[in-house]
Structure formats: C-alpha cells, structure tokens
Amino acid sequence: MHVLPLLLLVAGSAAVAGLARRTPVPAPLLLVAAGLVVSYVPGVPGYELDPEIVLPLVLPPLLYTAASDSSYLDLRAHVRPIALLSVGYVLFATLAVGWAAYLIVPSLPLPAALVFGAVVAPPDAVAATAVARRVGLPSRITTILQGESLVNDATAITAYKVALAAAVGAGATWAGGVREFLLAAVGGVVVGLVLMVPIHWLRTHLKEALLQNTLSLLIPFVAYGIAEQVHASGVLAVVVVALYLGHRAWEVDFATRLQEEAVWKMVAFVLESAVFALIGLQLPVVLKGLGQYQGAQAAWYAVAVFLVVVAARFVWVYPATFLPRILSARVREREGSPTWKGPFIIGWAGMRGVVSLAIAFSIPLTVHGGASFPDRNLLLFLTFTTVIGTLVVQGLTLPPLIRLLKLPGRDVQAETLAEANAQAQASRVAEERLDALLDDERNALPPPLADRLRSVLERRRNAVWERLGAVNPVTGETADDTYRRLSREMIGAEREVFVKLRDHRYIDDEMLRTLLRRLDLEEAAAYREAA
C-alpha cells in the first residue's frame, strides 16, 4: 500500500471515529458503514486487507492495550466462563459452522468448510465492550467479554492452521491437530511467562520516561514475534506479558504511567478506527472474485451462514452457563444462579471483526497438487457478510436490547463509597508518615509549606466524599466538581498572562514552556477527567 492511501485511511477513519463520539451510534458501526460507502466513491484507491500486516503488526498492539487495561484478578475470578467461551466455544463454532457450511454450499468440501468455520469462529469483542461501557453492563459480563476477546483469537488461529493443513492435503490427523493446538497454547503461555519478568525489570530500571515508553511500544511486537518464531501462539504470549505488566504497573514511575496512558490511547484509537474502516472497504475486493456465485444464490448462502453463526453461539452459551451449576454444588455456592438475561446478552454480543477477515484473506490460492482452493472467493464473501452482518445487526440492536432487558448496571454509589474508604485509609497512613518525617530535624519545613502538604492531603481525602454529597441546585455540580472547575478557570487565567508576557517579549518561549508545563501538572492534579 502506498503512503498516500495509508494516510487517507488513517485520517479518514480517525475523523469518522471522532464524529461517532458525538452520535449515539458506536464508532465501529459508523466506521464500517463509512468504509462501505467510500469503497464505491470514484477515485478512492483499492484497499485489500493484507494478513501479513494485520496479524503481526495490528493485532499485537490491540491485544496488548486491551490486556493491560484488563484486571488480572477479575479475569482469574471468571476463568471458567472465559475459558469455556475463548476455547470451548471457538472449537465448537469451528465444527458447527463448518458442518453447516458444508451442508449449505453443495460444492464445498468438508475440510474447506472447517477452514471457514475456524475463520468466523472468534468474536471480536472490541465493539461489544465499547457498547458495554457506554450502556453500563454489569462488570461480570464486561469482564467475561473482555477475557474472551483476549484468548479466542489464539484458539481460532490454531484451529485454522490445523483445518487448513487437512484441506490442502498436508497429511494432518486429529491427533496431530490436538498436539499442534496444545503446543501452540502451552508454548505461547511459556514464552509470555519467560519474557514478562525481565521486561518488567527493564521497565522499572530505565530512568527516563521516554525510553520506558519506547520499550512499551516494542513489547507486544517482541512477544508476538518470539512466540511465532518458535511456532507458539503469539497472541497468548502478548496477553500473558500485558496482564503481568498491567498488574505491576504501579511499580513504574508516575511520568511513565502518564505518558504511557496517553500513547497507548492514541495507538488504540488509530488502529481500531483504521481496521473497522478497512472492513467496510473490502466490499469491492470480495465481490470482484465471486465468479459463478451471483445474486440470489450468494445472498442465500450469506443469510444462512449468518443465522447459523448467531444460533451456534446461543447453543453453546446457555449450556455452558447453566450445566456447571447443575453438575457442581461448589459452583452454585460460589456464583449463585444467574437469570437467562445475562447469557442472552453474552450470546448476542458475538460480533465478528477484522481478525476473521485477515485469516480469510490468508487462505492460500492453491492446495496440494496445484489445484485451486475450493470456493476460496465464496469463503471470502461469506466471511465478509458474516462480519458485516454481526456488526450491523447485533451491534445496532445490542444497546436497546440491554436497556429492554433492564440488566442491573454498575452501582456507582457503592463504587464511590469504596473509593472514598480506600482514599481515607491511604490518607491516614500518609498523614502518619508525614508527621514522622517532620519530626526529624533533617526534614524541617517552614509552617506554611508543611500546612500546604497537609491541605493537599486533606483535599485528596475529602474530594471523593464530596461526590457522595448534595449537588448545587443551580448548576447540578457537587462541591468537588465546582472546585475543579474553578481551579481550571484560575489556571486558565494564569496561562493567558504567561502567553501575553511571551508575546510582549518579557519572557522567552523556553520559559513559557516551563511555566505552562507547571500549570499543566497542577491542572492534571486538580482536575481529573472521568474515565
């Protein structure tokens, strides 16, 4: 791909994603729709999705940022349902969808149908979790969807390799397939375990935030590349490393954390925007090669496969939810009995994404002996329609469905109370530490500075409690909101004065940058944006 089309893709997708933030439509859906429309605009260059770019260059950073932001403790607490979805469901979907495609398309051999089943097996939970955060799903469901998305790609890619070996006549056997699957999974975890400790040690011993963030950008590619080099799962290696580093992020200095958060937010925003736009832009590519399958016949295959993909997820989710509780008293005691609503949302949140398309485009043109891969162009078309269908149909209906089912959302009051209690305990220990330090004559401070330390500490302790208090009847703000707004106004006034002094040559630009950075840090401390 040339530089200009790539720049147009990044800039255009970022603009559409920014626009989506001002609409009730989730960004992935608007990006896909924009890609579909733009793909037929005259003069727009052709964008063919290259699996050699998406899998090693796009997937690792997306997995890394998702895993780093996940909670290792929450994922461990829900390891059973996550494993049943990310491993069990993907293998079940590979077989169920593959067998159904074999029955639906008369000319499709069973090995090629199983390749297709593996291609469309892994849901892409980026869109689902984006909707979950916006609508406010219970944290358990959000954690399960996030955990599934971290591991299911590894399962699907390995299942695809096994099915492809059988389809191209490479002499694959069931025993060999199981062995390859286990080696890839175990190998990926082992590579991640080997890398995570030395990488974390290096992160904590680098003294410059700039170097630490440069390392941070390299980590997902290093983990993925090393794992793939030894024929292990690069996906699992990235996830293991990211979960460990995210869990130990508090050991890195504050400057690194602040920079790293901003850098990875930007990277994830650009990549997610580009890949969803790229999905829509594939329409001309997949239609061009359909050949003999045209019109009503291709549409019938697409609808039938879409329905099977949606139904297969429900067929798996409900037994996987309720059977462990029926068979195990320990599970019933620990997790209780869920209603039918939670599993229904998890079942409906099975949207497919760019990984399925990338795997589909990696299907070889020929099989053993030089013959063409059976119905390759049709499989690309069916993958594309399945991805688009799940994103549009399920993505658009998921928010109203969540509201219709009236699932209990996050208890904001309880979370704020827990935050306030945690802050109170931390502030009490910090105050005791401050008193002990000030008793030492080596730490003597003038009373105004000592009082300032105490007032900052008290402000931090009271801020959370104030969010639980009454609001201003005129503005609707809590006292904490008003404090932060006034702080920003004062800092803004100072900033304007500094700029005027620079413009009148009383200070130079270097001094201006120093003063503005000091104000920026004070503003960051005084005003915390909602997550």
Protein backbone atom coordinates (compact mmCIF):
# COMPACT_ATOMS: atom_id res chain seq x y z
CA MET A 1 0.00 0.00 0.00
CA HIS A 2 1.38 3.41 -0.96
CA VAL A 3 1.88 6.17 1.59
CA LEU A 4 -0.93 8.48 0.45
CA PRO A 5 -3.73 5.84 0.58
CA LEU A 6 -2.48 4.81 4.03
CA LEU A 7 -2.54 8.40 5.27
CA LEU A 8 -6.03 8.86 3.82
CA LEU A 9 -7.20 5.70 5.59
CA VAL A 10 -5.81 6.79 8.97
CA ALA A 11 -7.01 10.40 8.70
CA GLY A 12 -10.44 9.49 7.36
CA SER A 13 -11.09 6.75 9.91
CA ALA A 14 -9.95 8.99 12.76
CA ALA A 15 -12.31 11.74 11.58
CA VAL A 16 -15.25 9.31 11.40
CA ALA A 17 -14.41 7.87 14.83
CA GLY A 18 -14.28 11.39 16.25
CA LEU A 19 -17.67 12.12 14.70
CA ALA A 20 -19.08 8.92 16.21
CA ARG A 21 -18.35 10.27 19.69
CA ARG A 22 -20.98 12.94 19.06
CA THR A 23 -23.64 10.41 17.99
CA PRO A 24 -25.39 7.53 19.76
CA VAL A 25 -24.02 5.09 17.15
CA PRO A 26 -21.00 3.06 18.34
CA ALA A 27 -17.83 4.03 16.48
CA PRO A 28 -17.14 0.57 14.97
CA LEU A 29 -20.52 0.54 13.23
CA LEU A 30 -20.15 4.05 11.82
CA LEU A 31 -16.65 3.24 10.61
CA VAL A 32 -17.79 0.08 8.83
CA ALA A 33 -20.68 1.94 7.22
CA ALA A 34 -18.37 4.75 6.11
CA GLY A 35 -15.98 2.20 4.63
CA LEU A 36 -18.81 0.56 2.68
CA VAL A 37 -19.93 3.90 1.25
CA VAL A 38 -16.43 5.18 0.46
CA SER A 39 -15.43 1.91 -1.24
CA TYR A 40 -17.58 2.88 -4.25
CA VAL A 41 -16.63 6.55 -4.44
CA PRO A 42 -14.83 7.17 -7.76
CA GLY A 43 -11.12 7.73 -7.36
CA VAL A 44 -10.81 6.02 -3.96
CA PRO A 45 -7.81 3.63 -4.09
CA GLY A 46 -8.38 -0.08 -3.57
CA TYR A 47 -7.68 -1.28 -0.05
CA GLU A 48 -7.05 -5.03 0.13
CA LEU A 49 -6.59 -6.31 3.65
CA ASP A 50 -3.17 -7.94 3.98
CA PRO A 51 -2.96 -10.68 6.65
CA GLU A 52 0.84 -10.24 6.71
CA ILE A 53 0.22 -6.74 8.10
CA VAL A 54 -2.88 -7.21 10.26
CA LEU A 55 -1.84 -10.32 12.19
CA PRO A 56 1.76 -9.40 13.15
CA LEU A 57 1.53 -5.59 13.14
CA VAL A 58 -2.04 -4.63 14.11
CA LEU A 59 -3.24 -7.48 16.32
CA PRO A 60 -0.37 -7.42 18.91
CA PRO A 61 -0.72 -3.75 19.97
CA LEU A 62 -4.53 -4.04 20.14
CA LEU A 63 -4.23 -7.15 22.31
CA TYR A 64 -1.54 -5.50 24.44
CA THR A 65 -3.55 -2.39 25.24
CA ALA A 66 -6.71 -4.42 25.91
CA ALA A 67 -4.91 -6.84 28.23
CA SER A 68 -3.02 -4.05 30.02
CA ASP A 69 -6.31 -2.32 30.80
CA SER A 70 -7.91 -5.56 32.00
CA SER A 71 -7.93 -6.74 35.59
CA TYR A 72 -5.85 -9.86 36.14
CA LEU A 73 -7.71 -10.54 39.38
CA ASP A 74 -11.14 -10.19 37.74
CA LEU A 75 -10.11 -12.41 34.84
CA ARG A 76 -8.79 -15.04 37.24
CA ALA A 77 -12.04 -14.91 39.20
CA HIS A 78 -14.00 -15.64 35.99
CA VAL A 79 -11.53 -18.03 34.38
CA ARG A 80 -14.08 -20.84 33.90
CA PRO A 81 -16.66 -18.93 31.80
CA ILE A 82 -13.86 -17.16 29.93
CA ALA A 83 -12.17 -20.46 29.07
CA LEU A 84 -15.47 -22.01 28.01
CA LEU A 85 -16.02 -19.14 25.58
CA SER A 86 -12.49 -18.42 24.36
CA VAL A 87 -11.54 -22.08 23.85
CA GLY A 88 -14.64 -24.26 24.06
CA TYR A 89 -16.96 -22.04 22.07
CA VAL A 90 -14.39 -21.29 19.34
CA LEU A 91 -13.76 -25.00 18.76
CA PHE A 92 -17.50 -25.72 18.86
CA ALA A 93 -18.20 -22.89 16.40
CA THR A 94 -15.46 -24.16 14.09
CA LEU A 95 -17.16 -27.56 13.88
CA ALA A 96 -20.78 -26.37 13.95
CA VAL A 97 -20.42 -23.56 11.41
CA GLY A 98 -18.09 -25.64 9.25
CA TRP A 99 -20.53 -28.55 9.12
CA ALA A 100 -23.43 -26.22 8.39
CA ALA A 101 -21.47 -24.52 5.57
CA TYR A 102 -20.70 -27.98 4.15
CA LEU A 103 -24.43 -28.72 4.05
CA ILE A 104 -25.46 -25.28 2.76
CA VAL A 105 -22.95 -24.99 -0.12
CA PRO A 106 -23.14 -28.18 -2.24
CA SER A 107 -19.73 -27.73 -3.90
CA LEU A 108 -17.81 -27.08 -0.66
CA PRO A 109 -15.69 -30.00 0.64
CA LEU A 110 -15.81 -30.66 4.38
CA PRO A 111 -12.12 -29.77 5.05
CA ALA A 112 -12.57 -26.41 3.31
CA ALA A 113 -15.83 -25.87 5.23
CA LEU A 114 -13.98 -26.47 8.53
CA VAL A 115 -11.39 -23.88 7.45
CA PHE A 116 -14.25 -21.43 7.04
CA GLY A 117 -15.66 -22.44 10.44
CA ALA A 118 -12.35 -21.57 12.09
CA VAL A 119 -12.20 -18.27 10.21
CA VAL A 120 -15.54 -16.98 11.55
CA ALA A 121 -15.33 -18.65 14.97
CA PRO A 122 -13.72 -15.86 17.08
CA PRO A 123 -15.93 -12.92 18.09
CA ASP A 124 -14.28 -9.52 18.14
CA ALA A 125 -15.29 -8.04 21.48
CA VAL A 126 -13.88 -4.57 20.75
CA ALA A 127 -17.28 -3.40 19.53
CA ALA A 128 -19.17 -5.34 22.21
CA THR A 129 -17.12 -3.97 25.10
CA ALA A 130 -17.39 -0.46 23.66
CA VAL A 131 -21.16 -0.82 23.78
CA ALA A 132 -20.95 -2.39 27.24
CA ARG A 133 -19.06 0.59 28.64
CA ARG A 134 -21.45 3.09 27.07
CA VAL A 135 -24.63 1.34 28.23
CA GLY A 136 -23.24 0.22 31.59
CA LEU A 137 -23.36 -3.58 31.60
CA PRO A 138 -22.72 -5.44 34.86
CA SER A 139 -19.00 -5.75 35.45
CA ARG A 140 -19.15 -9.58 35.36
CA ILE A 141 -20.47 -9.63 31.78
CA THR A 142 -17.99 -6.98 30.65
CA THR A 143 -15.09 -8.93 32.21
CA ILE A 144 -16.18 -12.16 30.52
CA LEU A 145 -16.44 -10.48 27.11
CA GLN A 146 -13.05 -8.82 27.54
CA GLY A 147 -11.43 -12.06 28.68
CA GLU A 148 -12.92 -13.96 25.78
CA SER A 149 -11.55 -11.47 23.26
CA LEU A 150 -8.02 -11.78 24.67
CA VAL A 151 -7.71 -15.54 24.11
CA ASN A 152 -10.18 -16.58 21.41
CA ASP A 153 -8.01 -15.29 18.55
CA ALA A 154 -5.25 -17.70 19.58
CA THR A 155 -7.70 -20.61 19.59
CA ALA A 156 -9.14 -19.66 16.20
CA ILE A 157 -5.76 -19.13 14.52
CA THR A 158 -4.52 -22.52 15.74
CA ALA A 159 -7.76 -24.25 14.70
CA TYR A 160 -7.45 -22.57 11.30
CA LYS A 161 -3.91 -23.87 10.81
CA VAL A 162 -4.99 -27.43 11.66
CA ALA A 163 -8.04 -27.30 9.38
CA LEU A 164 -6.01 -25.71 6.59
CA ALA A 165 -3.39 -28.46 6.78
CA ALA A 166 -6.16 -31.02 6.24
CA ALA A 167 -7.74 -29.00 3.42
CA VAL A 168 -4.53 -28.54 1.41
CA GLY A 169 -3.57 -32.20 1.74
CA ALA A 170 -0.68 -31.81 4.17
CA GLY A 171 -1.43 -35.11 5.87
CA ALA A 172 -2.98 -33.66 9.02
CA THR A 173 -4.60 -36.00 11.55
CA TRP A 174 -6.88 -35.41 14.52
CA ALA A 175 -4.10 -36.47 16.90
CA GLY A 176 -1.65 -34.17 15.14
CA GLY A 177 -4.15 -31.33 15.27
CA VAL A 178 -4.70 -31.72 19.00
CA ARG A 179 -0.95 -31.91 19.54
CA GLU A 180 -0.34 -28.74 17.49
CA PHE A 181 -3.11 -26.94 19.37
CA LEU A 182 -1.68 -27.85 22.78
CA LEU A 183 1.88 -26.99 21.75
CA ALA A 184 0.81 -23.59 20.43
CA ALA A 185 -1.23 -22.79 23.55
CA VAL A 186 1.31 -24.02 26.11
CA GLY A 187 4.18 -22.55 24.12
CA GLY A 188 2.54 -19.13 23.94
CA VAL A 189 1.95 -19.08 27.70
CA VAL A 190 5.53 -20.24 28.40
CA VAL A 191 7.02 -17.56 26.14
CA GLY A 192 4.92 -14.95 27.92
CA LEU A 193 6.00 -16.22 31.35
CA VAL A 194 9.66 -16.20 30.32
CA LEU A 195 9.52 -12.66 28.93
CA MET A 196 7.34 -10.89 31.48
CA VAL A 197 9.77 -10.71 34.43
CA PRO A 198 12.86 -9.43 32.57
CA ILE A 199 10.74 -6.93 30.62
CA HIS A 200 9.23 -5.63 33.85
CA TRP A 201 12.68 -5.44 35.43
CA LEU A 202 13.91 -3.41 32.48
CA ARG A 203 10.88 -1.10 32.68
CA THR A 204 11.49 -0.38 36.36
CA HIS A 205 15.24 0.22 35.90
CA LEU A 206 15.11 2.57 32.93
CA LYS A 207 15.27 6.06 34.40
CA GLU A 208 13.82 8.10 31.54
CA ALA A 209 10.11 8.01 30.74
CA LEU A 210 10.88 8.47 27.05
CA LEU A 211 12.98 5.29 26.95
CA GLN A 212 10.42 3.40 29.01
CA ASN A 213 7.64 4.31 26.61
CA THR A 214 9.77 3.38 23.61
CA LEU A 215 10.20 -0.02 25.22
CA SER A 216 6.46 -0.18 25.87
CA LEU A 217 5.73 0.27 22.16
CA LEU A 218 8.10 -2.58 21.28
CA ILE A 219 6.87 -5.10 23.87
CA PRO A 220 3.83 -6.52 22.00
CA PHE A 221 5.77 -6.99 18.77
CA VAL A 222 8.71 -8.63 20.57
CA ALA A 223 6.45 -11.06 22.47
CA TYR A 224 4.42 -11.92 19.38
CA GLY A 225 7.47 -12.32 17.13
CA ILE A 226 9.42 -14.55 19.52
CA ALA A 227 6.42 -16.81 20.14
CA GLU A 228 5.64 -17.17 16.44
CA GLN A 229 9.32 -17.86 15.71
CA VAL A 230 9.16 -20.98 17.92
CA HIS A 231 5.72 -21.95 16.48
CA ALA A 232 3.87 -20.97 19.65
CA SER A 233 0.86 -18.68 19.97
CA GLY A 234 1.96 -15.06 19.66
CA VAL A 235 -1.47 -13.95 20.84
CA LEU A 236 -1.16 -15.77 24.18
CA ALA A 237 2.40 -14.55 24.66
CA VAL A 238 1.29 -10.93 24.24
CA VAL A 239 -1.68 -11.40 26.58
CA VAL A 240 0.39 -13.02 29.34
CA VAL A 241 3.05 -10.30 29.22
CA ALA A 242 0.48 -7.49 29.11
CA LEU A 243 -1.55 -8.87 32.02
CA TYR A 244 1.58 -9.12 34.17
CA LEU A 245 2.84 -5.65 33.28
CA GLY A 246 -0.61 -4.14 33.80
CA HIS A 247 -0.90 -5.83 37.20
CA ARG A 248 2.53 -4.46 38.24
CA ALA A 249 2.17 -1.04 36.57
CA TRP A 250 2.19 0.67 39.98
CA GLU A 251 5.90 -0.13 40.29
CA VAL A 252 6.75 2.13 37.32
CA ASP A 253 7.27 5.84 37.99
CA PHE A 254 4.40 8.29 37.54
CA ALA A 255 5.87 10.05 34.48
CA THR A 256 6.00 6.78 32.57
CA ARG A 257 2.44 5.91 33.51
CA LEU A 258 1.13 9.31 32.42
CA GLN A 259 2.95 9.20 29.10
CA GLU A 260 2.18 5.54 28.51
CA GLU A 261 -1.54 6.01 29.04
CA ALA A 262 -1.65 8.84 26.52
CA VAL A 263 0.50 6.99 23.97
CA TRP A 264 -1.48 3.75 24.09
CA LYS A 265 -4.82 5.54 23.96
CA MET A 266 -3.70 7.19 20.75
CA VAL A 267 -2.33 3.95 19.29
CA ALA A 268 -5.50 2.01 20.10
CA PHE A 269 -7.72 4.79 18.74
CA VAL A 270 -5.86 4.95 15.42
CA LEU A 271 -5.61 1.18 14.94
CA GLU A 272 -9.20 0.39 15.94
CA SER A 273 -10.53 3.18 13.73
CA ALA A 274 -8.44 2.06 10.75
CA VAL A 275 -9.29 -1.65 10.99
CA PHE A 276 -13.05 -1.11 11.22
CA ALA A 277 -12.94 1.28 8.27
CA LEU A 278 -10.83 -1.29 6.43
CA ILE A 279 -13.56 -3.90 6.94
CA GLY A 280 -16.07 -1.80 5.02
CA LEU A 281 -13.53 -1.03 2.29
CA GLN A 282 -13.19 -4.75 1.45
CA LEU A 283 -16.58 -4.94 -0.32
CA PRO A 284 -15.27 -4.40 -3.88
CA VAL A 285 -12.47 -6.92 -3.27
CA VAL A 286 -14.75 -9.75 -2.15
CA LEU A 287 -17.41 -9.07 -4.79
CA LYS A 288 -14.86 -8.98 -7.62
CA GLY A 289 -13.92 -12.63 -7.20
CA LEU A 290 -17.33 -14.22 -6.62
CA GLY A 291 -17.46 -15.61 -10.16
CA GLN A 292 -20.22 -18.19 -10.58
CA TYR A 293 -21.94 -17.29 -7.30
CA GLN A 294 -24.08 -14.27 -8.05
CA GLY A 295 -27.29 -12.59 -6.94
CA ALA A 296 -29.85 -14.59 -5.01
CA GLN A 297 -27.69 -17.68 -4.59
CA ALA A 298 -24.81 -15.84 -2.90
CA ALA A 299 -27.28 -13.84 -0.78
CA TRP A 300 -28.99 -17.06 0.37
CA TYR A 301 -25.67 -18.60 1.40
CA ALA A 302 -24.75 -15.40 3.28
CA VAL A 303 -28.05 -15.22 5.19
CA ALA A 304 -27.99 -18.92 6.05
CA VAL A 305 -24.40 -18.79 7.33
CA PHE A 306 -25.12 -15.63 9.34
CA LEU A 307 -28.08 -17.30 11.06
CA VAL A 308 -26.01 -20.39 11.85
CA VAL A 309 -23.20 -18.27 13.34
CA VAL A 310 -25.66 -16.40 15.57
CA ALA A 311 -27.56 -19.53 16.61
CA ALA A 312 -24.41 -21.55 17.34
CA ARG A 313 -23.31 -19.05 19.97
CA PHE A 314 -26.60 -19.38 21.86
CA VAL A 315 -26.44 -23.17 21.56
CA TRP A 316 -23.10 -23.03 23.36
CA VAL A 317 -23.62 -20.16 25.81
CA TYR A 318 -26.71 -21.42 27.65
CA PRO A 319 -25.44 -24.96 28.42
CA ALA A 320 -22.00 -23.53 29.29
CA THR A 321 -23.69 -21.17 31.76
CA PHE A 322 -26.15 -23.50 33.46
CA LEU A 323 -24.65 -27.02 33.20
CA PRO A 324 -21.69 -26.31 35.55
CA ARG A 325 -24.17 -25.06 38.15
CA ILE A 326 -26.35 -28.14 37.73
CA LEU A 327 -23.38 -30.51 37.99
CA SER A 328 -21.38 -28.76 40.73
CA ALA A 329 -22.65 -27.65 44.12
CA ARG A 330 -19.43 -25.69 44.61
CA VAL A 331 -20.11 -23.59 41.52
CA ARG A 332 -23.70 -22.98 42.70
CA GLU A 333 -22.49 -21.78 46.11
CA ARG A 334 -19.76 -19.56 44.71
CA GLU A 335 -21.56 -17.98 41.75
CA GLY A 336 -25.27 -18.36 42.50
CA SER A 337 -27.93 -18.88 39.85
CA PRO A 338 -27.99 -16.32 37.03
CA THR A 339 -31.11 -15.38 35.13
CA TRP A 340 -31.49 -16.01 31.41
CA LYS A 341 -30.77 -12.35 30.64
CA GLY A 342 -27.00 -12.29 31.19
CA PRO A 343 -26.28 -15.30 28.95
CA PHE A 344 -28.60 -13.83 26.32
CA ILE A 345 -26.54 -10.62 26.18
CA ILE A 346 -23.29 -12.63 26.02
CA GLY A 347 -24.78 -14.72 23.22
CA TRP A 348 -25.93 -11.65 21.28
CA ALA A 349 -22.56 -9.92 21.73
CA GLY A 350 -20.83 -12.34 19.35
CA MET A 351 -19.80 -9.78 16.74
CA ARG A 352 -17.02 -10.73 14.33
CA GLY A 353 -14.26 -8.39 13.26
CA VAL A 354 -11.03 -7.80 11.41
CA VAL A 355 -9.26 -10.95 12.66
CA SER A 356 -11.77 -13.14 10.82
CA LEU A 357 -11.22 -11.18 7.62
CA ALA A 358 -7.45 -11.27 8.00
CA ILE A 359 -7.48 -15.05 8.47
CA ALA A 360 -9.82 -15.45 5.49
CA PHE A 361 -7.52 -13.46 3.23
CA SER A 362 -4.63 -15.73 4.28
CA ILE A 363 -6.38 -18.80 2.77
CA PRO A 364 -3.99 -19.93 0.02
CA LEU A 365 -4.96 -19.80 -3.63
CA THR A 366 -3.98 -23.42 -4.25
CA VAL A 367 -3.93 -26.75 -2.42
CA HIS A 368 -1.61 -29.75 -2.66
CA GLY A 369 -1.01 -30.58 -6.31
CA GLY A 370 -1.60 -27.06 -7.60
CA ALA A 371 -5.39 -27.18 -7.69
CA SER A 372 -7.33 -24.06 -6.64
CA PHE A 373 -8.54 -23.90 -3.06
CA PRO A 374 -12.22 -24.93 -3.17
CA ASP A 375 -14.56 -21.90 -3.38
CA ARG A 376 -11.96 -19.54 -1.85
CA ASN A 377 -13.67 -16.43 -3.23
CA LEU A 378 -17.03 -17.57 -1.89
CA LEU A 379 -15.49 -18.13 1.56
CA LEU A 380 -14.09 -14.58 1.48
CA PHE A 381 -17.54 -13.27 0.59
CA LEU A 382 -19.25 -15.29 3.33
CA THR A 383 -16.68 -14.12 5.89
CA PHE A 384 -17.24 -10.52 4.85
CA THR A 385 -21.05 -10.78 5.02
CA THR A 386 -20.85 -12.53 8.40
CA VAL A 387 -18.61 -9.80 9.83
CA ILE A 388 -20.79 -7.02 8.41
CA GLY A 389 -24.00 -8.77 9.44
CA THR A 390 -22.96 -9.32 13.04
CA LEU A 391 -21.54 -5.81 13.41
CA VAL A 392 -24.62 -4.12 11.96
CA VAL A 393 -27.45 -6.36 13.18
CA GLN A 394 -26.10 -7.25 16.60
CA GLY A 395 -24.13 -4.06 17.11
CA LEU A 396 -27.09 -1.77 16.43
CA THR A 397 -29.54 -3.81 18.49
CA LEU A 398 -27.30 -4.55 21.48
CA PRO A 399 -27.76 -1.17 23.28
CA PRO A 400 -31.59 -1.16 23.06
CA LEU A 401 -31.64 -4.85 23.96
CA ILE A 402 -29.60 -4.17 27.10
CA ARG A 403 -31.99 -1.37 28.05
CA LEU A 404 -35.04 -3.54 27.28
CA LEU A 405 -33.83 -6.40 29.49
CA LYS A 406 -33.12 -3.90 32.33
CA LEU A 407 -29.96 -5.59 33.48
CA PRO A 408 -28.61 -4.12 36.71
CA GLY A 409 -25.80 -1.77 35.80
CA ARG A 410 -22.77 -0.79 37.82
CA ASP A 411 -23.56 0.51 41.31
CA VAL A 412 -21.89 3.92 41.02
CA GLN A 413 -22.80 4.87 44.60
CA ALA A 414 -21.25 1.71 46.02
CA GLU A 415 -18.12 2.14 43.87
CA THR A 416 -17.71 5.76 45.01
CA LEU A 417 -18.14 4.70 48.65
CA ALA A 418 -15.46 2.02 48.23
CA GLU A 419 -13.17 4.59 46.60
CA ALA A 420 -13.75 7.03 49.46
CA ASN A 421 -12.96 4.41 52.09
CA ALA A 422 -9.80 3.38 50.26
CA GLN A 423 -8.69 7.01 49.96
CA ALA A 424 -9.40 7.60 53.66
CA GLN A 425 -7.20 4.66 54.68
CA ALA A 426 -4.39 5.76 52.36
CA SER A 427 -4.60 9.37 53.55
CA ARG A 428 -4.44 8.31 57.19
CA VAL A 429 -1.25 6.33 56.58
CA ALA A 430 0.23 9.19 54.51
CA GLU A 431 -0.54 11.68 57.30
CA GLU A 432 1.18 9.47 59.86
CA ARG A 433 4.17 9.20 57.53
CA LEU A 434 4.26 12.99 57.09
CA ASP A 435 4.19 13.59 60.87
CA ALA A 436 7.02 11.12 61.36
CA LEU A 437 9.10 12.79 58.67
CA LEU A 438 8.50 16.31 60.00
CA ASP A 439 9.63 15.21 63.48
CA ASP A 440 13.08 14.63 62.01
CA GLU A 441 15.08 17.87 62.00
CA ARG A 442 16.58 16.93 58.63
CA ASN A 443 13.10 17.40 57.12
CA ALA A 444 12.34 20.74 58.78
CA LEU A 445 9.94 22.88 56.74
CA PRO A 446 8.52 26.37 57.29
CA PRO A 447 4.99 26.09 58.71
CA PRO A 448 3.30 27.37 55.50
CA LEU A 449 4.89 24.59 53.41
CA ALA A 450 4.08 21.91 56.00
CA ASP A 451 0.50 23.16 56.11
CA ARG A 452 0.38 23.03 52.33
CA LEU A 453 1.33 19.34 52.37
CA ARG A 454 -1.41 18.66 54.90
CA SER A 455 -4.01 20.67 52.96
CA VAL A 456 -3.23 18.79 49.75
CA LEU A 457 -3.64 15.51 51.60
CA GLU A 458 -6.91 16.64 53.18
CA ARG A 459 -8.19 17.84 49.82
CA ARG A 460 -7.50 14.45 48.27
CA ARG A 461 -9.25 12.70 51.16
CA ASN A 462 -12.35 14.89 51.06
CA ALA A 463 -12.76 15.02 47.30
CA VAL A 464 -14.27 11.54 46.98
CA TRP A 465 -16.62 12.01 49.93
CA GLU A 466 -17.88 15.22 48.37
CA ARG A 467 -19.00 13.29 45.30
CA LEU A 468 -21.40 11.43 47.60
CA GLY A 469 -22.84 14.67 48.97
CA ALA A 470 -25.54 17.05 47.80
CA VAL A 471 -25.27 18.87 44.50
CA ASN A 472 -25.57 22.56 43.73
CA PRO A 473 -29.28 23.16 42.93
CA VAL A 474 -28.36 25.72 40.25
CA THR A 475 -25.52 24.01 38.39
CA GLY A 476 -26.09 20.36 39.35
CA GLU A 477 -22.43 20.12 40.41
CA THR A 478 -21.01 18.58 43.55
CA ALA A 479 -18.62 20.68 45.61
CA ASP A 480 -15.78 18.65 44.11
CA ASP A 481 -16.97 19.47 40.56
CA THR A 482 -17.17 23.17 41.39
CA TYR A 483 -13.70 23.12 42.96
CA ARG A 484 -12.17 21.55 39.86
CA ARG A 485 -13.96 23.93 37.52
CA LEU A 486 -12.81 26.98 39.46
CA SER A 487 -9.27 25.59 39.58
CA ARG A 488 -9.26 25.30 35.81
CA GLU A 489 -10.55 28.86 35.45
CA MET A 490 -7.76 30.20 37.70
CA ILE A 491 -5.11 28.19 35.88
CA GLY A 492 -6.51 29.33 32.54
CA ALA A 493 -6.21 32.95 33.62
CA GLU A 494 -2.58 32.41 34.61
CA ARG A 495 -1.90 30.69 31.29
CA GLU A 496 -3.25 33.66 29.33
CA VAL A 497 -0.97 36.03 31.27
CA PHE A 498 2.11 33.92 30.54
CA VAL A 499 1.29 33.86 26.82
CA LYS A 500 0.84 37.66 26.75
CA LEU A 501 4.18 38.11 28.53
CA ARG A 502 5.82 35.91 25.91
CA ASP A 503 4.13 37.82 23.08
CA HIS A 504 5.46 41.10 24.53
CA ARG A 505 8.96 39.60 24.88
CA TYR A 506 9.06 39.77 28.69
CA ILE A 507 9.81 36.04 28.76
CA ASP A 508 11.11 33.73 26.03
CA ASP A 509 9.49 30.56 24.65
CA GLU A 510 11.63 28.24 26.72
CA MET A 511 10.48 29.91 29.94
CA LEU A 512 6.90 29.87 28.65
CA ARG A 513 7.08 26.11 28.12
CA THR A 514 8.46 25.64 31.63
CA LEU A 515 5.66 27.72 33.18
CA LEU A 516 2.95 26.08 31.08
CA ARG A 517 4.15 22.58 31.98
CA ARG A 518 3.98 23.53 35.66
CA LEU A 519 0.39 24.71 35.17
CA ASP A 520 -0.45 21.58 33.17
CA LEU A 521 0.70 19.36 36.02
CA GLU A 522 -1.28 21.42 38.53
CA GLU A 523 -4.36 21.24 36.32
CA ALA A 524 -3.95 17.48 35.96
CA ALA A 525 -3.77 17.16 39.74
CA ALA A 526 -6.72 19.48 40.35
CA TYR A 527 -8.99 18.20 37.63
CA ARG A 528 -9.44 14.51 36.93
CA GLU A 529 -11.36 13.66 33.80
CA ALA A 530 -14.00 10.96 34.15
CA ALA A 531 -12.83 7.63 32.76
